[in-house]
Amino acid sequence: MTDDDKTPAREVITEYAQAHFRYFRTADGTVYAQRNGHPVARPIRSQGTTGSHRQELMVGLYRDGVGVFNGTALKEALDLIEALALTEDVQHVHIRVAPGFDGATWLDLGRADGRSVRIHPSGWEVTVPDPREVCWRRTQLTGELPVPVKDTDGKGIDALLRLCNFATAETECLALAWLIGCLEPSVPVPAPFLTGPQGAGKSTGGRMLVRVIEGMSGDLRRAPKDEENLIAAVAAGWVTALDNLSHMSPDLSDAMCCIVTGAENVKRALFTDGDVFRARYRRPLLLTGIDVGVIRPDLAERLLPLRLERPRVRRTEAELWAEYAEVLPLILGSLLDLTVQVRGVEAETPTDLRMADFAHLCAQLDAATGLGALAAYRRSLDDLNDDVIEGDLLAQTVLKHAEDMAPGEAQRMTSTQWLHCLTRLYTGEDFRPLPKGWPTTGKVLSDRLKRLQPTLAARGVLIDSGRTKEGRYLEMTRTPATPPPEQQAL
């Protein structure tokens, strides 16, 4: 056979690849390869340590006796495959949790055989998903989960709560609500903040909660020093857990708000001048720490404080984690049973809370079990509002001014006039010095009050702004006292 009669290597590789793999593109234009009948997809340009498509293609060609090819032939073949895949329909790839057909939800067990959990209205089962329904993306952060146990009768939940040092039953039901929320890809959930005295097992409790979703390889990590590294870690996994926080900078606080409720990061694509890379993310977030200092109001609405207490009996790490690993299949099975039960009940959605989806989930949990999660969530938000007020002298001064207002009374002034009024109230007759960070102009005051609006509204003080012919104004209104929502329903 002459050289002209031989099939070019790139064509041999392309023909083999299209026979054994399915290629598609995502909305951002990344092309993925998926072995026929297997739900895990890999980007064809990836050179990551979790295994690239180039590597699995080379191994397949060798094991099937097709041959061993040089890098040039592989590159040319993959270039052609990528160009062809860009004409295919768009399909999403998911990490750990994904929506499915007919209202189902999928949980990736991270197993090599592709087995996953399908959660549907009538129950759940372990099966391999149809690759056209669910495409899993895996990274180094994707740990393996055990096959969950069926018909646990809630024993796994009891085992988890026994291992954690939650201070109250309210904290326990909020932790359960968060875990259920982690299994729903469309529901943004507030970030649990595990607090308590030194030695309360905050890091251990955080690991236990994370590993229910991420497997035994799931762990806590220190907060990255910059937002770019934080986003990279968030995008590579499902649950992001930050340990031992002692200070929360404004930039980190804003980044956490975006992680909880969702955002998009756009940056220049590598080795290009005009192309951009888009990263959309919304992930469950977990934090631990004794105290992070002043909490900003917008983050406070997205936190879920879980208080732990010091255990009466200490156990070794080896003993504790050996028991946890043994009961993890039972814990996961109980959580899946409870998730199906909660999703099967109807409940009214509270309309007065920022995280309405999570509040609705708490209401469903109450309807299914009678735990009182929604009332506990409201009380936790009240506690966080108290923390925000205690750490903000401007908020304290506004509330002090509102004490002299009659219920329903409204006062309107320019921001500069309000600044003079609140400054005089704070300094008092003894002219005490203004604290660091006190507003220096009317514009700064206006911006600060806008951030404090939810916190002040929870204490019966409404801040509004507008414009008349004379100029812009700020209006402060003291609302009439109303009973808590749970008392209104009685």
Protein backbone atom coordinates (compact mmCIF):
# COMPACT_ATOMS: atom_id res chain seq x y z
CA MET A 1 0.00 0.00 0.00
CA THR A 2 1.41 3.34 -0.99
CA ASP A 3 1.52 6.35 1.31
CA ASP A 4 -1.27 7.94 -0.75
CA ASP A 5 -3.57 4.97 0.04
CA LYS A 6 -3.13 5.24 3.82
CA THR A 7 -5.85 6.97 5.84
CA PRO A 8 -4.39 10.04 7.58
CA ALA A 9 -3.92 9.56 11.32
CA ARG A 10 -6.15 12.50 12.19
CA GLU A 11 -9.04 10.89 10.29
CA VAL A 12 -8.50 7.54 12.08
CA ILE A 13 -8.58 9.31 15.45
CA THR A 14 -11.62 11.41 14.52
CA GLU A 15 -13.56 8.37 13.31
CA TYR A 16 -12.72 6.43 16.49
CA ALA A 17 -13.59 9.40 18.74
CA GLN A 18 -16.99 10.01 17.14
CA ALA A 19 -17.82 6.31 17.42
CA HIS A 20 -17.00 6.07 21.13
CA PHE A 21 -17.73 9.57 22.48
CA ARG A 22 -20.44 12.16 22.32
CA TYR A 23 -19.31 15.77 21.86
CA PHE A 24 -21.35 18.84 22.74
CA ARG A 25 -20.90 22.46 23.76
CA THR A 26 -22.08 24.46 26.75
CA ALA A 27 -23.55 27.95 26.72
CA ASP A 28 -20.11 29.54 27.16
CA GLY A 29 -18.76 27.68 24.11
CA THR A 30 -16.69 25.05 25.95
CA VAL A 31 -16.71 21.70 24.16
CA TYR A 32 -17.09 18.55 26.28
CA ALA A 33 -16.58 14.86 25.52
CA GLN A 34 -18.80 12.19 27.05
CA ARG A 35 -18.12 8.48 26.67
CA ASN A 36 -21.15 6.72 25.20
CA GLY A 37 -23.53 5.63 27.95
CA HIS A 38 -21.59 7.38 30.73
CA PRO A 39 -22.81 10.60 32.41
CA VAL A 40 -19.39 12.15 33.18
CA ALA A 41 -18.17 14.75 30.68
CA ARG A 42 -14.69 16.23 30.32
CA PRO A 43 -13.69 19.42 28.50
CA ILE A 44 -11.62 18.36 25.51
CA ARG A 45 -9.07 21.13 26.12
CA SER A 46 -8.54 20.26 29.79
CA GLN A 47 -5.09 19.23 30.96
CA GLY A 48 -6.19 18.90 34.56
CA THR A 49 -5.01 16.32 37.07
CA THR A 50 -8.45 14.67 37.17
CA GLY A 51 -7.82 13.22 33.70
CA SER A 52 -8.22 14.93 30.34
CA HIS A 53 -10.15 13.78 27.31
CA ARG A 54 -6.90 13.67 25.37
CA GLN A 55 -5.59 11.07 27.82
CA GLU A 56 -8.70 8.88 27.75
CA LEU A 57 -8.73 9.06 23.95
CA MET A 58 -5.08 7.94 23.77
CA VAL A 59 -5.76 5.05 26.18
CA GLY A 60 -8.84 3.97 24.22
CA LEU A 61 -6.98 3.97 20.91
CA TYR A 62 -4.18 1.88 22.41
CA ARG A 63 -6.35 -0.66 24.24
CA ASP A 64 -8.66 -1.20 21.26
CA GLY A 65 -5.68 -1.91 19.05
CA VAL A 66 -6.14 1.10 16.78
CA GLY A 67 -2.64 2.35 17.39
CA VAL A 68 -0.41 4.90 19.12
CA PHE A 69 -0.41 8.36 17.57
CA ASN A 70 1.82 11.39 17.90
CA GLY A 71 0.80 14.69 19.38
CA THR A 72 0.35 16.42 16.04
CA ALA A 73 -2.25 13.92 14.85
CA LEU A 74 -4.13 14.12 18.15
CA LYS A 75 -4.14 17.92 18.06
CA GLU A 76 -5.43 18.05 14.50
CA ALA A 77 -8.15 15.53 15.28
CA LEU A 78 -9.27 17.38 18.41
CA ASP A 79 -9.28 20.69 16.52
CA LEU A 80 -11.66 19.19 13.96
CA ILE A 81 -13.83 17.55 16.63
CA GLU A 82 -14.09 20.86 18.52
CA ALA A 83 -15.13 22.71 15.36
CA LEU A 84 -17.80 20.11 14.61
CA ALA A 85 -19.10 20.15 18.20
CA LEU A 86 -19.65 23.92 18.11
CA THR A 87 -22.51 23.26 15.67
CA GLU A 88 -24.27 20.89 18.12
CA ASP A 89 -27.06 21.83 20.53
CA VAL A 90 -26.15 23.46 23.83
CA GLN A 91 -26.22 21.29 26.96
CA HIS A 92 -25.36 22.17 30.54
CA VAL A 93 -22.83 20.38 32.72
CA HIS A 94 -23.32 20.18 36.48
CA ILE A 95 -21.25 19.60 39.59
CA ARG A 96 -22.75 17.30 42.24
CA VAL A 97 -26.41 18.40 41.94
CA ALA A 98 -28.49 18.82 38.77
CA PRO A 99 -32.11 19.22 37.67
CA GLY A 100 -33.57 16.34 35.69
CA PHE A 101 -36.65 15.51 33.64
CA ASP A 102 -40.19 15.52 35.08
CA GLY A 103 -39.30 17.52 38.18
CA ALA A 104 -36.56 15.15 39.34
CA THR A 105 -33.25 16.14 40.91
CA TRP A 106 -29.96 14.25 40.59
CA LEU A 107 -27.14 13.84 43.10
CA ASP A 108 -23.75 12.72 41.75
CA LEU A 109 -22.19 10.07 43.99
CA GLY A 110 -18.80 10.75 42.38
CA ARG A 111 -18.34 7.08 41.50
CA ALA A 112 -16.35 5.76 38.53
CA ASP A 113 -19.35 3.72 37.35
CA GLY A 114 -21.45 6.89 37.04
CA ARG A 115 -24.16 5.77 39.48
CA SER A 116 -26.13 8.69 40.87
CA VAL A 117 -29.22 9.31 42.97
CA ARG A 118 -32.43 10.35 41.24
CA ILE A 119 -34.77 12.19 43.63
CA HIS A 120 -38.33 12.36 42.29
CA PRO A 121 -41.76 13.17 43.78
CA SER A 122 -42.49 9.56 44.78
CA GLY A 123 -39.08 8.56 46.13
CA TRP A 124 -35.45 8.11 45.16
CA GLU A 125 -33.27 5.45 43.60
CA VAL A 126 -29.64 4.86 42.66
CA THR A 127 -29.12 4.54 38.91
CA VAL A 128 -26.96 5.70 36.01
CA PRO A 129 -28.57 8.80 34.43
CA ASP A 130 -29.22 9.16 30.73
CA PRO A 131 -26.28 11.23 29.42
CA ARG A 132 -28.69 13.49 27.55
CA GLU A 133 -30.55 14.25 30.78
CA VAL A 134 -27.58 14.87 33.07
CA CYS A 135 -23.93 15.58 32.31
CA TRP A 136 -21.65 15.54 35.32
CA ARG A 137 -18.46 17.57 35.49
CA ARG A 138 -15.89 16.39 38.00
CA THR A 139 -12.86 18.09 39.50
CA GLN A 140 -10.36 17.35 42.24
CA LEU A 141 -12.97 18.61 44.71
CA THR A 142 -15.55 16.00 43.64
CA GLY A 143 -15.31 13.30 46.30
CA GLU A 144 -17.01 9.90 46.27
CA LEU A 145 -20.17 9.37 48.28
CA PRO A 146 -21.24 5.95 49.57
CA VAL A 147 -24.36 4.28 48.17
CA PRO A 148 -27.15 5.52 50.48
CA VAL A 149 -29.21 3.08 52.54
CA LYS A 150 -32.93 2.86 51.90
CA ASP A 151 -35.74 2.73 54.48
CA THR A 152 -33.69 4.16 57.36
CA ASP A 153 -36.68 5.32 59.45
CA GLY A 154 -34.75 8.51 60.28
CA LYS A 155 -31.94 6.68 62.09
CA GLY A 156 -29.31 8.44 59.99
CA ILE A 157 -30.59 11.89 60.99
CA ASP A 158 -30.48 10.86 64.65
CA ALA A 159 -26.90 9.63 64.19
CA LEU A 160 -25.79 12.90 62.56
CA LEU A 161 -27.34 15.06 65.29
CA ARG A 162 -25.77 12.84 67.95
CA LEU A 163 -22.31 13.33 66.45
CA CYS A 164 -22.66 17.12 66.11
CA ASN A 165 -22.68 19.37 69.18
CA PHE A 166 -25.67 21.55 68.28
CA ALA A 167 -26.75 23.67 71.23
CA THR A 168 -30.53 23.54 70.71
CA ALA A 169 -33.26 21.70 68.84
CA GLU A 170 -33.81 24.89 66.80
CA THR A 171 -30.23 24.73 65.57
CA GLU A 172 -30.70 21.08 64.60
CA CYS A 173 -33.79 21.73 62.47
CA LEU A 174 -32.08 24.66 60.70
CA ALA A 175 -29.09 22.43 59.90
CA LEU A 176 -31.46 19.84 58.41
CA ALA A 177 -33.21 22.51 56.34
CA TRP A 178 -29.85 23.64 54.96
CA LEU A 179 -28.83 20.09 54.01
CA ILE A 180 -32.14 19.60 52.18
CA GLY A 181 -31.59 22.91 50.40
CA CYS A 182 -28.15 21.73 49.24
CA LEU A 183 -29.90 18.98 47.25
CA GLU A 184 -32.03 21.47 45.30
CA PRO A 185 -30.07 23.20 42.51
CA SER A 186 -32.64 25.97 42.00
CA VAL A 187 -32.92 27.08 45.66
CA PRO A 188 -30.40 29.60 47.04
CA VAL A 189 -29.75 28.75 50.69
CA PRO A 190 -28.28 30.99 53.38
CA ALA A 191 -24.77 30.22 54.58
CA PRO A 192 -24.62 28.38 57.93
CA PHE A 193 -22.27 30.13 60.31
CA LEU A 194 -21.17 27.65 62.99
CA THR A 195 -20.37 29.58 66.16
CA GLY A 196 -19.74 28.67 69.78
CA PRO A 197 -17.09 28.76 72.48
CA GLN A 198 -13.58 27.48 71.92
CA GLY A 199 -13.59 23.69 71.90
CA ALA A 200 -17.21 23.36 70.78
CA GLY A 201 -16.22 21.35 67.69
CA LYS A 202 -17.14 23.97 65.11
CA SER A 203 -14.65 22.72 62.53
CA THR A 204 -15.60 19.10 63.13
CA GLY A 205 -19.30 19.90 62.91
CA GLY A 206 -18.72 21.85 59.71
CA ARG A 207 -16.83 18.93 58.16
CA MET A 208 -19.65 16.55 59.09
CA LEU A 209 -22.27 18.72 57.41
CA VAL A 210 -20.12 19.20 54.30
CA ARG A 211 -19.27 15.50 53.99
CA VAL A 212 -22.92 14.51 53.87
CA ILE A 213 -22.96 16.21 50.44
CA GLU A 214 -19.31 16.03 49.33
CA GLY A 215 -18.15 12.68 50.73
CA MET A 216 -15.29 11.90 53.12
CA SER A 217 -12.81 13.93 51.04
CA GLY A 218 -14.82 17.14 51.60
CA ASP A 219 -13.06 19.55 53.92
CA LEU A 220 -12.89 23.10 55.22
CA ARG A 221 -10.38 25.61 53.90
CA ARG A 222 -9.05 29.01 54.83
CA ALA A 223 -10.60 32.00 53.10
CA PRO A 224 -8.55 32.91 49.99
CA LYS A 225 -6.79 36.27 50.06
CA ASP A 226 -8.44 37.52 46.87
CA GLU A 227 -11.79 37.17 45.16
CA GLU A 228 -10.40 35.48 42.04
CA ASN A 229 -9.05 32.49 44.00
CA LEU A 230 -12.28 32.27 45.98
CA ILE A 231 -14.35 32.15 42.80
CA ALA A 232 -12.05 29.48 41.32
CA ALA A 233 -12.56 27.29 44.40
CA VAL A 234 -16.32 27.90 44.35
CA ALA A 235 -16.64 27.04 40.66
CA ALA A 236 -14.77 23.72 41.10
CA GLY A 237 -17.07 22.26 43.76
CA TRP A 238 -20.59 22.35 45.13
CA VAL A 239 -20.36 23.20 48.84
CA THR A 240 -17.68 25.77 49.76
CA ALA A 241 -16.69 25.73 53.44
CA LEU A 242 -14.44 28.39 55.00
CA ASP A 243 -12.96 27.67 58.41
CA ASN A 244 -11.99 29.77 61.42
CA LEU A 245 -13.02 33.19 60.16
CA SER A 246 -11.99 35.95 62.55
CA HIS A 247 -12.42 38.98 60.28
CA MET A 248 -14.58 39.67 57.27
CA SER A 249 -13.38 42.42 54.94
CA PRO A 250 -15.95 44.34 52.84
CA ASP A 251 -14.68 42.63 49.67
CA LEU A 252 -15.00 39.14 51.21
CA SER A 253 -18.45 40.01 52.54
CA ASP A 254 -19.61 41.15 49.08
CA ALA A 255 -18.14 38.01 47.47
CA MET A 256 -20.02 35.79 49.93
CA CYS A 257 -23.27 37.56 49.13
CA CYS A 258 -22.69 36.81 45.44
CA ILE A 259 -21.86 33.15 46.14
CA VAL A 260 -25.08 32.60 48.11
CA THR A 261 -27.53 34.29 45.74
CA GLY A 262 -25.63 33.91 42.46
CA ALA A 263 -23.50 36.09 40.21
CA GLU A 264 -21.38 36.00 37.09
CA ASN A 265 -17.65 36.64 36.79
CA VAL A 266 -16.23 37.80 33.46
CA LYS A 267 -12.51 38.03 32.73
CA ARG A 268 -10.24 38.00 29.72
CA ALA A 269 -9.69 34.54 28.29
CA LEU A 270 -6.10 33.33 28.45
CA PHE A 271 -3.90 33.89 25.40
CA THR A 272 -6.41 36.24 23.78
CA ASP A 273 -6.83 39.98 23.44
CA GLY A 274 -10.57 40.30 22.91
CA ASP A 275 -12.16 37.03 24.09
CA VAL A 276 -13.72 36.74 27.55
CA PHE A 277 -14.36 33.85 29.91
CA ARG A 278 -17.69 33.79 31.76
CA ALA A 279 -18.18 31.92 35.03
CA ARG A 280 -21.66 31.76 36.54
CA TYR A 281 -21.93 30.44 40.06
CA ARG A 282 -24.34 30.02 42.94
CA ARG A 283 -23.24 27.58 45.58
CA PRO A 284 -24.05 26.52 49.13
CA LEU A 285 -21.60 28.17 51.50
CA LEU A 286 -20.63 27.21 55.07
CA LEU A 287 -18.58 29.24 57.57
CA THR A 288 -17.11 28.55 60.99
CA GLY A 289 -15.61 30.89 63.58
CA ILE A 290 -15.93 32.20 67.11
CA ASP A 291 -16.56 35.79 66.06
CA VAL A 292 -16.06 37.66 62.77
CA GLY A 293 -16.58 41.13 64.18
CA VAL A 294 -19.00 43.51 62.49
CA ILE A 295 -21.36 41.83 60.01
CA ARG A 296 -22.65 43.94 57.13
CA PRO A 297 -26.45 44.07 56.79
CA ASP A 298 -26.61 42.56 53.30
CA LEU A 299 -24.58 39.52 54.42
CA ALA A 300 -26.59 39.16 57.64
CA GLU A 301 -29.69 38.45 55.55
CA ARG A 302 -27.83 35.59 53.89
CA LEU A 303 -26.45 33.91 57.04
CA LEU A 304 -27.84 31.06 59.11
CA PRO A 305 -26.26 31.05 62.60
CA LEU A 306 -25.85 27.54 64.04
CA ARG A 307 -24.62 27.56 67.63
CA LEU A 308 -22.63 24.65 69.04
CA GLU A 309 -21.75 23.80 72.64
CA ARG A 310 -18.75 22.13 74.21
CA PRO A 311 -19.23 18.34 74.45
CA ARG A 312 -19.34 16.78 77.91
CA VAL A 313 -17.33 13.75 76.79
CA ARG A 314 -14.30 14.06 74.49
CA ARG A 315 -13.48 11.45 71.84
CA THR A 316 -10.43 10.90 69.67
CA GLU A 317 -10.49 12.05 66.05
CA ALA A 318 -9.92 8.49 64.81
CA GLU A 319 -12.83 7.11 66.83
CA LEU A 320 -15.17 9.93 65.84
CA TRP A 321 -14.49 9.76 62.10
CA ALA A 322 -14.55 5.97 62.03
CA GLU A 323 -18.09 6.08 63.41
CA TYR A 324 -19.05 8.87 61.00
CA ALA A 325 -17.77 6.96 57.96
CA GLU A 326 -19.69 3.88 59.10
CA VAL A 327 -23.02 5.70 59.47
CA LEU A 328 -22.62 8.05 56.45
CA PRO A 329 -24.62 5.74 54.09
CA LEU A 330 -27.39 5.73 56.70
CA ILE A 331 -27.19 9.52 57.13
CA LEU A 332 -27.41 10.12 53.38
CA GLY A 333 -30.32 7.70 53.03
CA SER A 334 -32.23 9.40 55.85
CA LEU A 335 -31.58 12.83 54.32
CA LEU A 336 -32.90 11.64 50.95
CA ASP A 337 -36.00 10.15 52.62
CA LEU A 338 -36.64 13.44 54.42
CA THR A 339 -36.06 15.44 51.22
CA VAL A 340 -38.71 13.44 49.35
CA GLN A 341 -41.10 13.86 52.28
CA VAL A 342 -40.54 17.63 52.47
CA ARG A 343 -40.91 18.18 48.72
CA GLY A 344 -44.19 16.29 48.75
CA VAL A 345 -46.04 18.73 51.03
CA GLU A 346 -47.57 22.10 50.23
CA ALA A 347 -46.79 25.18 52.31
CA GLU A 348 -47.35 28.90 52.02
CA THR A 349 -44.32 30.97 51.05
CA PRO A 350 -43.45 33.73 53.57
CA THR A 351 -43.33 37.05 51.74
CA ASP A 352 -41.48 39.14 54.33
CA LEU A 353 -38.09 37.38 54.28
CA ARG A 354 -35.20 38.03 51.89
CA MET A 355 -34.34 34.35 51.31
CA ALA A 356 -37.92 33.45 50.39
CA ASP A 357 -37.02 30.09 48.79
CA PHE A 358 -35.29 28.89 51.94
CA ALA A 359 -38.13 30.24 54.09
CA HIS A 360 -40.56 28.23 51.95
CA LEU A 361 -38.40 25.14 52.42
CA CYS A 362 -38.51 25.69 56.19
CA ALA A 363 -42.31 25.97 56.00
CA GLN A 364 -42.43 22.68 54.05
CA LEU A 365 -40.17 21.03 56.64
CA ASP A 366 -42.54 22.21 59.37
CA ALA A 367 -45.57 20.87 57.49
CA ALA A 368 -43.86 17.50 57.01
CA THR A 369 -42.35 17.07 60.49
CA GLY A 370 -43.68 19.77 62.83
CA LEU A 371 -40.16 20.87 63.79
CA GLY A 372 -40.71 24.67 63.82
CA ALA A 373 -37.90 25.50 61.40
CA LEU A 374 -39.52 28.69 60.06
CA ALA A 375 -39.94 30.23 63.51
CA ALA A 376 -36.34 29.27 64.31
CA TYR A 377 -35.18 30.91 61.08
CA ARG A 378 -37.00 34.13 61.96
CA ARG A 379 -35.43 34.19 65.40
CA SER A 380 -31.98 33.61 63.92
CA LEU A 381 -32.46 36.61 61.64
CA ASP A 382 -33.51 38.72 64.63
CA ASP A 383 -30.33 37.70 66.42
CA LEU A 384 -28.25 38.68 63.38
CA ASN A 385 -30.02 42.05 63.22
CA ASP A 386 -29.05 42.59 66.84
CA ASP A 387 -25.44 41.78 65.95
CA VAL A 388 -25.49 44.28 63.08
CA ILE A 389 -26.94 47.01 65.31
CA GLU A 390 -24.50 46.31 68.14
CA GLY A 391 -21.62 46.73 65.71
CA ASP A 392 -22.90 49.91 64.01
CA LEU A 393 -23.04 53.15 66.03
CA LEU A 394 -24.95 54.90 63.24
CA ALA A 395 -27.74 52.30 63.42
CA GLN A 396 -27.88 52.71 67.20
CA THR A 397 -28.16 56.49 66.83
CA VAL A 398 -30.96 56.22 64.27
CA LEU A 399 -32.93 53.90 66.56
CA LYS A 400 -32.35 56.27 69.48
CA HIS A 401 -33.73 59.14 67.40
CA ALA A 402 -36.75 57.04 66.39
CA GLU A 403 -37.61 56.40 70.05
CA ASP A 404 -38.83 60.00 70.32
CA MET A 405 -41.07 59.65 67.24
CA ALA A 406 -44.72 58.71 67.55
CA PRO A 407 -45.85 55.45 65.83
CA GLY A 408 -46.71 56.29 62.23
CA GLU A 409 -44.85 59.62 62.34
CA ALA A 410 -42.60 60.52 59.39
CA GLN A 411 -39.77 63.04 59.33
CA ARG A 412 -38.29 64.37 56.09
CA MET A 413 -34.99 66.24 55.72
CA THR A 414 -32.07 66.47 53.34
CA SER A 415 -29.22 64.04 53.92
CA THR A 416 -27.04 66.90 55.16
CA GLN A 417 -29.68 67.96 57.68
CA TRP A 418 -30.00 64.36 58.85
CA LEU A 419 -26.23 64.19 59.25
CA HIS A 420 -26.21 67.25 61.50
CA CYS A 421 -29.20 65.93 63.47
CA LEU A 422 -27.73 62.46 64.07
CA THR A 423 -24.26 63.85 64.78
CA ARG A 424 -25.64 66.18 67.47
CA LEU A 425 -27.57 63.28 68.97
CA TYR A 426 -24.48 61.07 69.09
CA THR A 427 -22.05 63.67 70.50
CA GLY A 428 -24.56 64.83 73.11
CA GLU A 429 -24.03 67.64 75.56
CA ASP A 430 -20.55 66.45 76.47
CA PHE A 431 -19.43 66.65 72.80
CA ARG A 432 -17.84 63.21 72.79
CA PRO A 433 -15.63 62.58 69.75
CA LEU A 434 -17.09 60.95 66.67
CA PRO A 435 -16.04 57.33 66.09
CA LYS A 436 -13.92 56.17 63.18
CA GLY A 437 -16.07 55.59 60.12
CA TRP A 438 -18.78 58.08 61.05
CA PRO A 439 -20.31 59.65 57.89
CA THR A 440 -18.58 62.87 56.92
CA THR A 441 -21.00 64.06 54.21
CA GLY A 442 -24.68 63.76 53.44
CA LYS A 443 -23.95 61.45 50.51
CA VAL A 444 -21.98 59.03 52.69
CA LEU A 445 -24.82 59.07 55.25
CA SER A 446 -27.38 58.35 52.54
CA ASP A 447 -25.37 55.37 51.26
CA ARG A 448 -24.91 53.98 54.78
CA LEU A 449 -28.63 54.25 55.54
CA LYS A 450 -29.49 52.44 52.32
CA ARG A 451 -27.33 49.51 53.46
CA LEU A 452 -28.99 49.58 56.88
CA GLN A 453 -32.55 49.69 55.49
CA PRO A 454 -33.41 45.99 56.10
CA THR A 455 -31.91 46.02 59.60
CA LEU A 456 -33.72 49.21 60.61
CA ALA A 457 -36.98 48.03 59.04
CA ALA A 458 -36.83 44.92 61.23
CA ARG A 459 -36.79 47.29 64.21
CA GLY A 460 -39.73 49.36 62.99
CA VAL A 461 -37.84 52.23 61.31
CA LEU A 462 -38.31 52.77 57.58
CA ILE A 463 -35.88 54.81 55.51
CA ASP A 464 -37.03 56.16 52.16
CA SER A 465 -35.60 58.64 49.69
CA GLY A 466 -37.03 60.83 46.96
CA ARG A 467 -36.83 64.16 45.19
CA THR A 468 -38.94 67.31 45.21
CA LYS A 469 -38.51 70.67 43.49
CA GLU A 470 -36.32 71.74 46.40
CA GLY A 471 -33.99 68.75 46.00
CA ARG A 472 -33.43 65.23 47.28
CA TYR A 473 -34.55 64.11 50.71
CA LEU A 474 -34.44 61.24 53.17
CA GLU A 475 -37.57 60.27 55.05
CA MET A 476 -37.61 58.35 58.32
CA THR A 477 -40.86 56.71 59.46
CA ARG A 478 -41.56 54.84 62.65
CA THR A 479 -44.00 52.05 61.90
CA PRO A 480 -46.75 51.03 64.31
CA ALA A 481 -45.93 47.98 66.37
CA THR A 482 -47.24 44.75 64.82
CA PRO A 483 -47.26 41.23 66.23
CA PRO A 484 -44.79 38.68 64.86
CA PRO A 485 -45.99 36.81 61.72
CA GLU A 486 -46.45 33.56 63.65
CA GLN A 487 -48.79 35.35 66.10
CA GLN A 488 -50.72 36.99 63.25
CA ALA A 489 -51.59 33.56 61.90
CA LEU A 490 -53.21 32.52 65.22
